[in-house]
Structures are given as C-alpha cells and as structure tokens.
C-alpha cells in the first residue's frame, strides 16, 4: 500500500463526505459519484468548470445546477479498505457543510476498494447478488466472478428481473453495469497514480434523477461533430470515424446509453453506447420507442412535454453566438414508476382496496388513468465546449452550433413520428 495514504484519523470523517457510486449513470466514461441524494460529483475538467461558471442565464434550466468544487482523496478505513472522501476545497468548509449530507450512507456501505485481485465497487452482499442473478439467468454456473464481470462490461443490452419483494427503487441500484464499469476504470487510474498524487478536484452538480422513484434515463450524444478544437490528429480521426459509422453523421444524434424500467415484466433494461453506435436511423427510432415503452404500453402522455422542452432548448441554442458543444450529451429523464389516479367515472370506495399490483391493463382502463409524469431534458458533459468568451482558445466560431441544432430538430421530428404513428 502506498505511503501516500498514511494513517487516517477517525475525526477526518467528520470533516469530509464519503462518496459512493452514482448508479444512474448510463453513458460517458468519466466516473460519477454520489455526494448525497441531491448532489453528484465528477472529476473537474477546467473547460467544463469554466462553462458552468459562465453559462448564459437562459441555458441554466437546461443544465444541471452547479454547486461548487470539492477536494477528493483516498483514505484507509479500519478494515484496510480504501474509500473516496470529499473535503472542502482549500479549507473552505462552507462548500461541503452547507450541503445536506444527512442521507449519506454509513461508511460500511460506501464505495470501497478491497485488497483482493478483483476490485469490487459495491459491498460484498451486492456483489454476490450480481453473480447470483446472472448465473441463474444465463446458467453459467462454472464462471468465476472475474469472468462474470467481464461479461457484464462487454454486453451491450441487458435485462434484469426485479424481485417481487421490496421496493422497486431500492433494488434498482443493484443493476447498472455501465456505472460499475466506469467506476472500476476511473478508480483504477486514480489508484495507479496514488503514489504521486492523492488529491483530486471534483465539481458538484445537481443530481437530476433525485426526484424520480425509478429513473428512466436516455443519454444522447448530440451533434454531427464530436472532437474538440484541441484534439490530436489521432483523436480527431477516431471521433470522425465514430460519427460516420453511426447516426451522428446522418441525423446529428446517437444513443449513448439508456436505462428503462419495464413495468410489464418487472425488468430493468440497459443499453450502452456500443450498441447505440451500431444503430441505423430506423434502429435509432426503434430505440426511442423502446425508451418510452414500459413493457405494457407506450407512455404517450410523455411526448408533448418532451417535444415542448426540446423545442424550447432548440430556440435557446439558436441564439447562442459562437458556442460549440462538441461531445456533449442530452439527457431525457422520466419516472418509470407511474403515479396513478382514479378515473372520473369510478367510485373511490369501490377502488379503495385495489392495489397497484392487482390492477391489470384491463382494470386500469376502467379504474385508473396515468398522470403525466414530470419529464426532464438537460444538457451535460462540457469538457470540449468552446465559445468566443474562452480567451485561451485559438479557434473562435461564429453563429450557432448548427450540428447540435440539426440533431435536436431531427430528434423532435422522430419523437413526433412515434407519437403520430402510435395514435393511428
């Protein structure tokens, strides 16, 4: 173990916040961690930090709320495990102490590194649950844990059954393979650098999924170009190739990740960016349809709100002079756990004891109607964003980001097509 970690005094925990995996990350490659129920944090990239500190007022409703910067370091607990802990930056305790940490989990349940060869990012109980479920469903009982995890990382579309007992949202966090992959890769890099560095700056951002019981999240890579102005020739060529071989070049948008709760089967579906890159335009449309389908029926009540928000965002971006959002993503989020209300022509007394589980589709047509869930549309990931106000940039662009706007318009058109075709 590196001497950089040193011995940790117990009172340090009273000054810092232990971080755990953010389980609703469906895309990207940077490690995202849960600071508390309403706040996440991710490694600070100077350009992204600059964007959040200077973004136009009219764009703020379409981006996560920026909540400051913290210092993150490794520390050892009494069992010899290494934990990630966030501290106030430069001794400014207001940054951390003003945030609500009351819901932070006890130390034993937080993100930790074991000293074993396989470094698992959840506690032992959750890790065993991963293995148990996958072995049962795929009948691969001879596989070791390492092989199981490698399979999870390589699979592009996964379905997992949520057990009947317990709250859906409480079990949801056990089943996101993409977040596990990102955590393992990011933390491995941080551990390798620990001998030379044990302090990192992370930015704090609003947790966009906190208002939802079972968040359904669609991560879309926007624009016809993904490489930044500062990209190397190799990186530029690689990003151009990815765009040309995906829907990015054709319609200016591609699927970068997805998680959807399937109410009809009690399953959780995950799609990663590798599958998204392979989709044709028709395949992209089918993926969008799947995102709005809960396994029983299409969530038509969501369409108008999504279209309205996307149209408003498009109008805002059309007015942004010189901004380029290269490699930025757009999130669409809604709650997979529908809120139900009694139909107007139903007798409330007759329906008093009708549970949500016992109301099948036919009963629902008579007794229940879904209320329109809150849908969120937000831009994220600004590590390669540029505009004329960034004085150090050698390239200055004029006018709107036509590639991003082009993708937004096509996204709006495709969602309208799904809406119209489903109502015929």
Protein backbone atom coordinates (compact mmCIF):
# COMPACT_ATOMS: atom_id res chain seq x y z
CA UNK A 1 0.00 0.00 0.00
CA UNK A 2 1.31 3.42 -0.92
CA UNK A 3 2.64 5.58 1.94
CA UNK A 4 0.75 8.45 0.29
CA UNK A 5 -2.42 7.27 2.00
CA UNK A 6 -0.93 7.28 5.51
CA UNK A 7 -2.88 6.59 8.66
CA UNK A 8 -6.34 8.07 8.80
CA UNK A 9 -7.58 9.63 11.99
CA UNK A 10 -11.20 8.89 12.77
CA UNK A 11 -12.13 12.54 13.17
CA UNK A 12 -11.34 13.17 9.50
CA UNK A 13 -14.68 11.64 8.61
CA UNK A 14 -16.47 14.41 10.46
CA UNK A 15 -14.94 16.94 8.06
CA UNK A 16 -15.49 15.04 4.84
CA UNK A 17 -18.17 13.14 2.94
CA UNK A 18 -17.69 9.54 1.90
CA UNK A 19 -18.61 9.03 -1.76
CA UNK A 20 -20.45 6.12 -3.32
CA UNK A 21 -21.20 5.11 -6.90
CA UNK A 22 -23.85 7.07 -8.77
CA UNK A 23 -25.91 4.19 -10.07
CA UNK A 24 -27.96 6.02 -12.70
CA UNK A 25 -25.01 6.83 -14.96
CA UNK A 26 -25.87 5.26 -18.32
CA UNK A 27 -23.26 6.83 -20.61
CA UNK A 28 -19.96 8.64 -20.72
CA UNK A 29 -16.63 7.38 -19.49
CA UNK A 30 -15.84 9.69 -16.57
CA UNK A 31 -16.53 8.41 -13.07
CA UNK A 32 -19.62 9.98 -11.47
CA UNK A 33 -20.07 9.64 -7.71
CA UNK A 34 -22.96 10.24 -5.34
CA UNK A 35 -22.23 13.02 -2.83
CA UNK A 36 -25.71 12.86 -1.33
CA UNK A 37 -29.24 12.24 -2.54
CA UNK A 38 -29.48 15.54 -4.41
CA UNK A 39 -25.86 16.04 -5.46
CA UNK A 40 -23.33 14.15 -7.58
CA UNK A 41 -19.69 14.88 -8.27
CA UNK A 42 -17.30 14.17 -11.13
CA UNK A 43 -13.62 14.92 -11.85
CA UNK A 44 -13.05 18.60 -12.55
CA UNK A 45 -12.08 19.42 -16.13
CA UNK A 46 -11.12 23.05 -16.45
CA UNK A 47 -13.11 23.74 -19.61
CA UNK A 48 -16.28 22.19 -18.19
CA UNK A 49 -15.78 24.08 -14.93
CA UNK A 50 -15.45 27.31 -16.89
CA UNK A 51 -18.66 26.56 -18.76
CA UNK A 52 -20.69 26.08 -15.58
CA UNK A 53 -19.33 29.28 -14.06
CA UNK A 54 -20.06 31.42 -17.15
CA UNK A 55 -23.01 29.81 -18.93
CA UNK A 56 -25.79 32.12 -20.19
CA UNK A 57 -28.75 32.57 -17.86
CA UNK A 58 -31.23 31.25 -20.40
CA UNK A 59 -29.33 27.93 -20.56
CA UNK A 60 -29.39 27.22 -16.84
CA UNK A 61 -32.76 25.48 -16.89
CA UNK A 62 -31.31 23.03 -19.42
CA UNK A 63 -28.16 22.13 -17.47
CA UNK A 64 -27.57 20.63 -14.01
CA UNK A 65 -27.21 23.22 -11.26
CA UNK A 66 -23.54 23.81 -10.46
CA UNK A 67 -22.85 23.58 -6.72
CA UNK A 68 -19.12 24.16 -6.33
CA UNK A 69 -15.84 22.26 -6.07
CA UNK A 70 -14.53 19.76 -3.53
CA UNK A 71 -11.22 18.01 -2.96
CA UNK A 72 -11.40 14.20 -3.21
CA UNK A 73 -8.79 11.83 -1.80
CA UNK A 74 -8.24 8.18 -0.88
CA UNK A 75 -8.23 7.22 2.76
CA UNK A 76 -7.97 3.91 4.54
CA UNK A 77 -10.64 2.66 6.90
CA UNK A 78 -10.16 0.35 9.88
CA UNK A 79 -10.54 -2.73 7.67
CA UNK A 80 -7.77 -1.71 5.29
CA UNK A 81 -10.17 -0.70 2.52
CA UNK A 82 -9.61 2.49 0.55
CA UNK A 83 -12.51 4.93 0.41
CA UNK A 84 -13.02 8.10 -1.59
CA UNK A 85 -13.76 11.09 0.62
CA UNK A 86 -14.72 14.64 -0.41
CA UNK A 87 -13.36 17.56 1.61
CA UNK A 88 -13.93 21.31 1.37
CA UNK A 89 -11.57 22.95 -1.09
CA UNK A 90 -8.71 24.97 0.40
CA UNK A 91 -10.16 24.71 3.88
CA UNK A 92 -13.41 26.41 2.88
CA UNK A 93 -15.82 24.29 4.90
CA UNK A 94 -18.88 26.19 3.68
CA UNK A 95 -18.69 24.36 0.35
CA UNK A 96 -19.36 20.98 1.94
CA UNK A 97 -21.03 21.83 5.20
CA UNK A 98 -23.80 23.87 3.56
CA UNK A 99 -24.89 20.82 1.57
CA UNK A 100 -27.30 18.35 3.12
CA UNK A 101 -25.28 15.24 4.00
CA UNK A 102 -27.85 13.75 6.36
CA UNK A 103 -28.75 10.97 3.93
CA UNK A 104 -25.17 9.81 3.34
CA UNK A 105 -24.81 6.09 3.96
CA UNK A 106 -22.69 4.73 6.82
CA UNK A 107 -19.08 4.05 5.97
CA UNK A 108 -19.50 0.28 5.61
CA UNK A 109 -21.89 0.67 2.65
CA UNK A 110 -19.91 3.22 0.68
CA UNK A 111 -17.60 2.94 -2.27
CA UNK A 112 -14.57 0.97 -1.28
CA UNK A 113 -11.65 -0.90 -2.73
CA UNK A 114 -10.83 -4.32 -1.42
CA UNK A 115 -7.25 -5.53 -1.45
CA UNK A 116 -8.29 -8.61 -3.42
CA UNK A 117 -7.31 -9.15 -7.06
CA UNK A 118 -10.82 -8.32 -8.20
CA UNK A 119 -11.75 -4.87 -7.00
CA UNK A 120 -15.50 -4.67 -6.49
CA UNK A 121 -17.16 -1.32 -6.12
CA UNK A 122 -20.14 -2.39 -4.03
CA UNK A 123 -20.25 -4.19 -0.73
CA UNK A 124 -19.96 -7.96 -0.64
CA UNK A 125 -23.70 -8.58 -0.44
CA UNK A 126 -24.42 -6.62 -3.61
CA UNK A 127 -21.53 -8.27 -5.45
CA UNK A 128 -22.87 -11.72 -4.61
CA UNK A 129 -26.32 -10.64 -5.81
CA UNK A 130 -24.83 -9.67 -9.16
CA UNK A 131 -23.27 -13.12 -9.51
CA UNK A 132 -26.34 -14.99 -8.27
CA UNK A 133 -28.75 -13.31 -10.67
CA UNK A 134 -26.53 -13.56 -13.70
CA UNK A 135 -25.68 -17.22 -13.09
CA UNK A 136 -29.34 -18.09 -12.65
CA UNK A 137 -30.47 -16.29 -15.79
CA UNK A 138 -27.62 -17.33 -18.07
CA UNK A 139 -26.89 -20.76 -16.49
CA UNK A 140 -23.18 -20.05 -16.39
CA UNK A 141 -22.50 -21.60 -13.00
CA UNK A 142 -18.93 -22.50 -13.85
CA UNK A 143 -17.84 -18.91 -14.41
CA UNK A 144 -15.74 -17.14 -11.83
CA UNK A 145 -16.55 -13.69 -10.57
CA UNK A 146 -13.92 -12.12 -12.81
CA UNK A 147 -15.48 -13.73 -15.90
CA UNK A 148 -18.93 -12.61 -14.82
CA UNK A 149 -17.86 -9.02 -14.51
CA UNK A 150 -16.02 -9.07 -17.85
CA UNK A 151 -19.18 -10.39 -19.50
CA UNK A 152 -21.22 -7.60 -17.93
CA UNK A 153 -18.82 -4.97 -19.24
CA UNK A 154 -18.97 -6.32 -22.80
CA UNK A 155 -22.74 -6.85 -23.04
CA UNK A 156 -24.49 -4.11 -24.97
CA UNK A 157 -28.12 -4.73 -23.95
CA UNK A 158 -29.03 -6.30 -20.62
CA UNK A 159 -32.28 -7.20 -18.87
CA UNK A 160 -32.54 -7.89 -15.15
CA UNK A 161 -35.59 -9.02 -13.24
CA UNK A 162 -36.55 -7.05 -10.15
CA UNK A 163 -37.65 -9.34 -7.34
CA UNK A 164 -41.26 -9.07 -6.23
CA UNK A 165 -40.41 -8.34 -2.62
CA UNK A 166 -39.15 -4.95 -1.57
CA UNK A 167 -39.41 -1.52 -3.07
CA UNK A 168 -38.56 -1.25 -6.76
CA UNK A 169 -36.38 1.81 -6.35
CA UNK A 170 -34.38 0.25 -3.51
CA UNK A 171 -33.38 -2.68 -5.73
CA UNK A 172 -32.86 -0.61 -8.85
CA UNK A 173 -29.40 0.47 -7.75
CA UNK A 174 -28.03 -3.07 -7.86
CA UNK A 175 -28.32 -3.45 -11.59
CA UNK A 176 -26.44 -0.80 -13.53
CA UNK A 177 -23.44 -2.40 -15.25
CA UNK A 178 -22.29 0.75 -17.03
CA UNK A 179 -21.80 2.70 -13.80
CA UNK A 180 -19.82 -0.23 -12.39
CA UNK A 181 -17.60 -0.26 -15.45
CA UNK A 182 -16.94 3.49 -15.30
CA UNK A 183 -16.15 3.34 -11.60
CA UNK A 184 -13.73 0.47 -11.94
CA UNK A 185 -11.85 2.07 -14.81
CA UNK A 186 -11.67 5.56 -13.28
CA UNK A 187 -10.73 4.37 -9.83
CA UNK A 188 -8.09 2.03 -11.19
CA UNK A 189 -6.42 5.00 -12.88
CA UNK A 190 -6.62 7.01 -9.68
CA UNK A 191 -5.11 4.18 -7.65
CA UNK A 192 -2.25 3.77 -10.11
CA UNK A 193 -1.43 7.47 -9.69
CA UNK A 194 -1.79 7.41 -5.92
CA UNK A 195 1.93 7.18 -5.24
CA UNK A 196 2.38 10.54 -6.85
CA UNK A 197 -0.99 12.12 -6.19
CA UNK A 198 -3.73 11.61 -3.65
CA UNK A 199 -5.86 14.69 -4.11
CA UNK A 200 -8.25 15.49 -6.95
CA UNK A 201 -10.67 18.32 -7.60
CA UNK A 202 -14.26 17.30 -8.32
CA UNK A 203 -17.17 19.53 -9.29
CA UNK A 204 -20.52 19.20 -7.52
CA UNK A 205 -23.63 19.08 -9.69
CA UNK A 206 -27.35 18.62 -9.21
CA UNK A 207 -28.49 15.00 -9.22
CA UNK A 208 -31.10 15.10 -11.98
CA UNK A 209 -32.56 11.71 -11.02
CA UNK A 210 -33.27 12.53 -7.37
CA UNK A 211 -36.92 13.46 -7.90
CA UNK A 212 -37.76 10.12 -9.53
CA UNK A 213 -38.53 6.85 -7.77
CA UNK A 214 -37.36 4.69 -10.69
CA UNK A 215 -35.48 6.94 -13.13
CA UNK A 216 -35.66 6.04 -16.81
CA UNK A 217 -32.70 7.76 -18.45
CA UNK A 218 -31.79 8.27 -22.11
CA UNK A 219 -28.30 9.64 -22.87
CA UNK A 220 -27.99 11.04 -26.41
CA UNK A 221 -24.70 12.18 -27.93
CA UNK A 222 -25.58 15.34 -29.82
CA UNK A 223 -24.17 16.97 -32.94
CA UNK A 224 -22.54 15.93 -36.20
CA UNK A 225 -19.04 16.51 -34.79
CA UNK A 226 -17.62 15.16 -31.53
CA UNK A 227 -13.93 16.17 -31.43
CA UNK A 228 -12.84 19.38 -29.76
CA UNK A 229 -10.67 22.02 -31.38
CA UNK A 230 -7.73 20.86 -29.28
CA UNK A 231 -8.00 17.19 -30.29
CA UNK A 232 -4.92 15.43 -31.63
CA UNK A 233 -5.00 14.20 -35.22
CA UNK A 234 -5.46 10.66 -33.96
CA UNK A 235 -8.33 11.64 -31.67
CA UNK A 236 -9.92 13.73 -34.40
CA UNK A 237 -9.78 10.85 -36.90
CA UNK A 238 -11.21 8.45 -34.33
CA UNK A 239 -14.14 10.73 -33.49
CA UNK A 240 -14.88 11.44 -37.16
CA UNK A 241 -14.94 7.70 -37.83
CA UNK A 242 -17.41 7.10 -34.96
CA UNK A 243 -19.71 9.80 -36.33
CA UNK A 244 -19.55 8.50 -39.89
CA UNK A 245 -20.31 4.94 -38.78
CA UNK A 246 -23.28 5.94 -36.61
CA UNK A 247 -26.41 8.04 -36.83
CA UNK A 248 -24.42 11.12 -35.74
CA UNK A 249 -23.38 11.94 -39.30
CA UNK A 250 -26.86 11.38 -40.73
CA UNK A 251 -29.19 12.94 -38.15
CA UNK A 252 -26.81 14.61 -35.67
CA UNK A 253 -27.72 12.40 -32.70
CA UNK A 254 -26.98 8.87 -31.48
CA UNK A 255 -27.82 6.74 -28.45
CA UNK A 256 -25.05 6.84 -25.85
CA UNK A 257 -26.84 4.92 -23.09
CA UNK A 258 -30.25 4.01 -21.74
CA UNK A 259 -31.96 2.50 -18.72
CA UNK A 260 -35.68 1.74 -18.75
CA UNK A 261 -37.94 0.08 -16.21
CA UNK A 262 -40.22 -2.48 -17.83
CA UNK A 263 -43.39 -2.46 -15.72
CA UNK A 264 -44.89 -5.31 -17.72
CA UNK A 265 -42.19 -7.82 -16.76
CA UNK A 266 -40.62 -6.19 -13.73
CA UNK A 267 -37.32 -5.99 -15.59
CA UNK A 268 -34.72 -3.29 -15.98
CA UNK A 269 -33.28 -2.80 -19.45
CA UNK A 270 -29.86 -1.26 -20.08
CA UNK A 271 -28.38 -0.28 -23.45
CA UNK A 272 -24.82 1.02 -23.72
CA UNK A 273 -23.02 3.27 -26.19
CA UNK A 274 -21.53 0.43 -28.21
CA UNK A 275 -24.98 -0.76 -29.19
CA UNK A 276 -26.04 2.83 -29.84
CA UNK A 277 -23.22 3.31 -32.35
CA UNK A 278 -24.43 0.35 -34.41
CA UNK A 279 -27.99 1.58 -34.84
CA UNK A 280 -29.32 2.72 -38.20
CA UNK A 281 -31.69 5.68 -38.33
CA UNK A 282 -34.59 3.22 -38.15
CA UNK A 283 -32.85 1.44 -35.29
CA UNK A 284 -32.45 4.77 -33.50
CA UNK A 285 -36.17 5.39 -33.89
CA UNK A 286 -36.93 1.93 -32.51
CA UNK A 287 -34.64 2.58 -29.54
CA UNK A 288 -36.53 5.81 -28.80
CA UNK A 289 -39.80 3.89 -29.00
CA UNK A 290 -38.38 1.35 -26.55
CA UNK A 291 -37.35 4.13 -24.17
CA UNK A 292 -40.93 5.40 -23.98
CA UNK A 293 -42.46 1.90 -23.70
CA UNK A 294 -42.81 0.36 -20.26
CA UNK A 295 -43.30 -3.20 -21.46
CA UNK A 296 -47.09 -2.91 -21.30
CA UNK A 297 -47.87 0.19 -23.31
CA UNK A 298 -46.33 3.31 -24.78
CA UNK A 299 -46.06 6.24 -22.38
CA UNK A 300 -47.84 8.61 -24.78
CA UNK A 301 -48.53 11.14 -22.04
CA UNK A 302 -44.81 11.99 -22.03
CA UNK A 303 -44.49 13.05 -25.66
CA UNK A 304 -45.89 16.57 -25.55
CA UNK A 305 -43.76 17.58 -22.59
CA UNK A 306 -40.59 16.19 -24.18
CA UNK A 307 -41.31 17.86 -27.51
CA UNK A 308 -42.06 21.17 -25.79
CA UNK A 309 -38.80 21.11 -23.81
CA UNK A 310 -36.69 20.07 -26.82
CA UNK A 311 -38.26 22.81 -28.93
CA UNK A 312 -37.54 25.39 -26.24
CA UNK A 313 -33.95 24.20 -25.92
CA UNK A 314 -33.52 24.43 -29.69
CA UNK A 315 -34.77 28.03 -29.62
CA UNK A 316 -32.30 28.89 -26.83
CA UNK A 317 -29.33 27.31 -28.63
CA UNK A 318 -30.15 29.05 -31.88
CA UNK A 319 -29.49 32.33 -30.10
CA UNK A 320 -26.14 31.31 -28.59
CA UNK A 321 -23.40 33.10 -30.50
CA UNK A 322 -20.19 31.10 -31.02
CA UNK A 323 -20.88 28.22 -28.58
CA UNK A 324 -19.89 24.74 -29.76
CA UNK A 325 -20.95 21.78 -27.63
CA UNK A 326 -18.63 19.13 -29.04
CA UNK A 327 -19.12 15.67 -27.48
CA UNK A 328 -21.87 16.98 -25.21
CA UNK A 329 -24.82 14.76 -24.30
CA UNK A 330 -28.52 15.37 -23.80
CA UNK A 331 -30.42 13.55 -21.07
CA UNK A 332 -34.13 12.77 -21.17
CA UNK A 333 -35.42 11.51 -17.80
CA UNK A 334 -38.81 10.37 -16.54
CA UNK A 335 -40.15 8.15 -13.78
CA UNK A 336 -40.74 4.52 -14.64
CA UNK A 337 -42.92 4.21 -11.56
CA UNK A 338 -46.17 5.79 -12.73
CA UNK A 339 -48.35 7.84 -10.46
CA UNK A 340 -51.93 6.67 -10.80
CA UNK A 341 -55.21 8.43 -10.15
CA UNK A 342 -58.79 7.19 -10.06
CA UNK A 343 -60.83 7.76 -13.19
CA UNK A 344 -63.57 10.38 -13.04
CA UNK A 345 -66.33 7.83 -13.62
CA UNK A 346 -65.15 5.45 -10.89
CA UNK A 347 -66.41 5.14 -7.34
CA UNK A 348 -63.46 5.76 -4.99
CA UNK A 349 -64.96 3.50 -2.31
CA UNK A 350 -65.08 0.58 -4.72
CA UNK A 351 -61.42 1.08 -5.61
CA UNK A 352 -60.12 1.74 -2.14
CA UNK A 353 -58.51 -1.66 -1.72
CA UNK A 354 -57.37 -2.10 -5.30
CA UNK A 355 -53.61 -2.30 -5.16
CA UNK A 356 -51.31 -1.22 -7.94
CA UNK A 357 -50.13 -4.80 -8.41
CA UNK A 358 -53.64 -6.18 -8.81
CA UNK A 359 -54.75 -3.65 -11.38
CA UNK A 360 -54.02 -5.30 -14.70
CA UNK A 361 -54.24 -3.47 -18.01
CA UNK A 362 -57.94 -4.07 -18.48
CA UNK A 363 -58.76 -2.95 -14.96
CA UNK A 364 -56.54 0.06 -15.44
CA UNK A 365 -58.58 1.15 -18.45
CA UNK A 366 -61.62 1.39 -16.23
CA UNK A 367 -60.28 2.24 -12.83
CA UNK A 368 -57.06 4.16 -13.38
CA UNK A 369 -55.52 6.66 -15.70
CA UNK A 370 -51.84 7.64 -15.59
CA UNK A 371 -50.99 11.19 -14.68
CA UNK A 372 -48.43 12.97 -16.79
CA UNK A 373 -45.05 12.38 -15.17
CA UNK A 374 -42.50 15.15 -14.94
CA UNK A 375 -40.03 14.85 -17.80
CA UNK A 376 -36.61 16.45 -17.61
CA UNK A 377 -34.40 17.46 -20.56
CA UNK A 378 -30.84 18.55 -19.72
CA UNK A 379 -27.52 19.07 -21.45
CA UNK A 380 -24.47 17.51 -19.75
CA UNK A 381 -20.74 16.96 -20.37
CA UNK A 382 -18.99 20.13 -21.45
CA UNK A 383 -15.33 19.05 -21.43
CA UNK A 384 -14.93 20.06 -25.11
CA UNK A 385 -17.27 23.06 -25.17
CA UNK A 386 -15.89 26.31 -26.56
CA UNK A 387 -17.06 29.85 -27.26
CA UNK A 388 -15.51 33.21 -28.06
CA UNK A 389 -15.53 34.18 -24.37
CA UNK A 390 -12.92 31.50 -23.62
CA UNK A 391 -9.93 33.75 -24.27
CA UNK A 392 -7.34 30.97 -24.41
CA UNK A 393 -8.99 29.17 -27.36
CA UNK A 394 -7.13 29.52 -30.64
CA UNK A 395 -10.25 28.80 -32.72
CA UNK A 396 -13.22 31.16 -32.48
CA UNK A 397 -16.52 30.05 -34.01
CA UNK A 398 -19.27 32.32 -35.25
CA UNK A 399 -23.04 31.79 -35.10
CA UNK A 400 -24.99 28.89 -33.63
CA UNK A 401 -23.87 25.28 -33.20
CA UNK A 402 -25.60 24.05 -36.37
CA UNK A 403 -24.63 20.41 -35.80
CA UNK A 404 -26.27 20.33 -32.37
CA UNK A 405 -29.36 22.22 -33.55
CA UNK A 406 -29.62 19.86 -36.52
CA UNK A 407 -29.62 16.88 -34.14
CA UNK A 408 -32.24 18.47 -31.92
CA UNK A 409 -34.58 19.11 -34.84
CA UNK A 410 -34.24 15.53 -36.06
CA UNK A 411 -34.83 14.23 -32.54
CA UNK A 412 -38.01 16.32 -32.29
CA UNK A 413 -39.20 15.08 -35.69
CA UNK A 414 -38.61 11.41 -34.82
CA UNK A 415 -40.44 11.69 -31.48
CA UNK A 416 -43.34 13.34 -33.31
CA UNK A 417 -43.37 10.45 -35.80
CA UNK A 418 -43.55 7.93 -32.94
CA UNK A 419 -46.34 9.95 -31.33
CA UNK A 420 -48.38 10.22 -34.54
CA UNK A 421 -47.89 6.59 -35.58
CA UNK A 422 -48.89 5.31 -32.14
CA UNK A 423 -52.15 7.26 -32.20
CA UNK A 424 -53.30 5.92 -35.55
